[in-house]
Amino acid sequence: MGDLVDEDGCPKVPAARSPSARSDSVAVIQVAWTSSPRSSAGVRLPTRTVHHEGVVAVSIHRRVAKSGGTTWVVRYRDPIPRERTFDRKADAERFERSVRHQLDTDQYLDPESARITVRDGAERWWPTVEQSERAPSTISGYESALRLQVLPHLGDRRLRMLRRIDMEEWLSVLRAAGYSNSTIHAARTVLGMVLTSATDARIITGNPLTGLRQPKGSSRTRNTLTVEQVEALAAAVDPWWRPFLLVLAYCGLRPGEALALRRKHLDDLGQLTVERGMTEHRGVLLERDTKTHRFRVVEVPASVLAELRTHVELRVGSDPNALVFTTPFGDPVRLSSWRHRVWDPLAAELGLPGWATPYVLRHTAASLLAQSGVPVTAAAVFLGHDPAIFLRTYAHLYPGDLGAVADAMDAASSVRAPSSVARVDFAGMARRRRQGMALTCTFESGCRDLNPGPLDPQSSALTKLRHSPRVVAAP
């Protein structure tokens, strides 16, 4: 017992460990004092300590002033020593219980962080975005959403005071201002990341945007050019840029991917290896991975391959790393400058609609693939898309498939016309089964199903019904 009390008979308080000696599993808040306080007469006063995960987390001390007044002090570490003084013991105990509950439920927050605003949190979070592996265009989009939609409305609000109703009101203000669903979604995404960062930093206990449903943007079809319009562009453009335009329209490359092509990417088999993309960020050209971070091989159509090879032999250096498409002076192409100097005047001359941009040529390639009957999976690989994303983007380009679905449903329908009712010839199927004959069922797709096994006639007929058997009209 002598090791547990000091010379005055007061319990010894364990000394706080240094940060280097503290395990990650130990609570951050620890006691900063190793002895009980003394009165003005030099006599130590009793203290009450609360332990958390094996270390002293909070302690209550009685303090007697020289004037004879008594106050109660709650001391804790956060991670620096802190204390709060109360005139009444009940108030001190209530605060101590509050801190202890926050520790036990892992919800303790620094009291000084209550003054941090959304603007402060965004400024602390933003360097992590600039140093990430996100595409420059993505970073620019985040910066624009933060500057135009988030900070003007919520920048001066304290993070600790934000509630779900505040988020709903903010989104309502953006919708009333006429912003599109995609713009509102981008702003919500950026604010959500700021709030998540604040949650991880223990500034707030939770993200008020979590679980808040955002209306989906209205789907729209992709505008495409016709083959005649593409050929008109190729005929009117300067011969230097003709191969570039043909590669965009008939190979389906993104403009940045085409501008990053090098001589080594065109092989003897007439295939292009697409593995990089050229982007412009704040006036600086950057060469990065493709949008999907995966390379792909594109088969160049024969009509385009001849002109592309001629262009490479006459205008591209012998270095394997030489860019395929450059300016006439040999400099890398800035897409924004090329659009201003070449594309926009050409589109105006040919009377193309305002939505016709260089990227529309990629949508045109997808349209040509659909018109040619190329399967969705093959078209997705050709364009460097996931099949699910390809279908979500270009499903409207496959109207023939919808017609086939309608025909199939019409064939499977039991009612063909008011005076004609379709039925399945189950009797003939059962009769052939009893006679031991091979049961033949012709499907709408034209395949034949041979099942000579001795199955129950009615059970077999129901099985065939699931696979749309041949139907005959009732007399």
Foldseek 3Di string as FASTA:
>chain_A
DPVQADPLRAGWADADDDPVPDDPVADLKAFHDGAADAEPVRHGFHKAFDDDPHGTAKIKHWYADPVGQIKIKIWMPPVHIDIDIGNDPVVVVVVVVVQVVCRVVVQDADPVLQQDFLQNLCVVCLVVVVPDPDDLVLNVLLVCLCVPQNCVQGRNPGLQPDALVNVVVSLVVCVVVPDFLVSSVSNLVSSQVSNVVCCVVSSYVDRNCPPPDRDDGDDDAADADDPVVLVLLLVPFDLLCNLVSCCCQAQLEANQQLLQFFQLQQDPQQKGKGFWGWAAHPNDIDIGGDPVNDIAITRGDPVSSVSQVVQCVPPFDPPRNTGSRDPSVRHRDHQVVCCVPTVPVSCVVVVHDPVDDSNSSSVNNLLVCLVVPPDLVVSCRSNVHDSVVSCSHHVVSNVVVVVVVVVLVQLLDQDNDPVKGKDAPLVVQQVCLVVLHFRWWAAPVGDIDTDSDNDHSVVVVVVVNVRHTDIDIDD
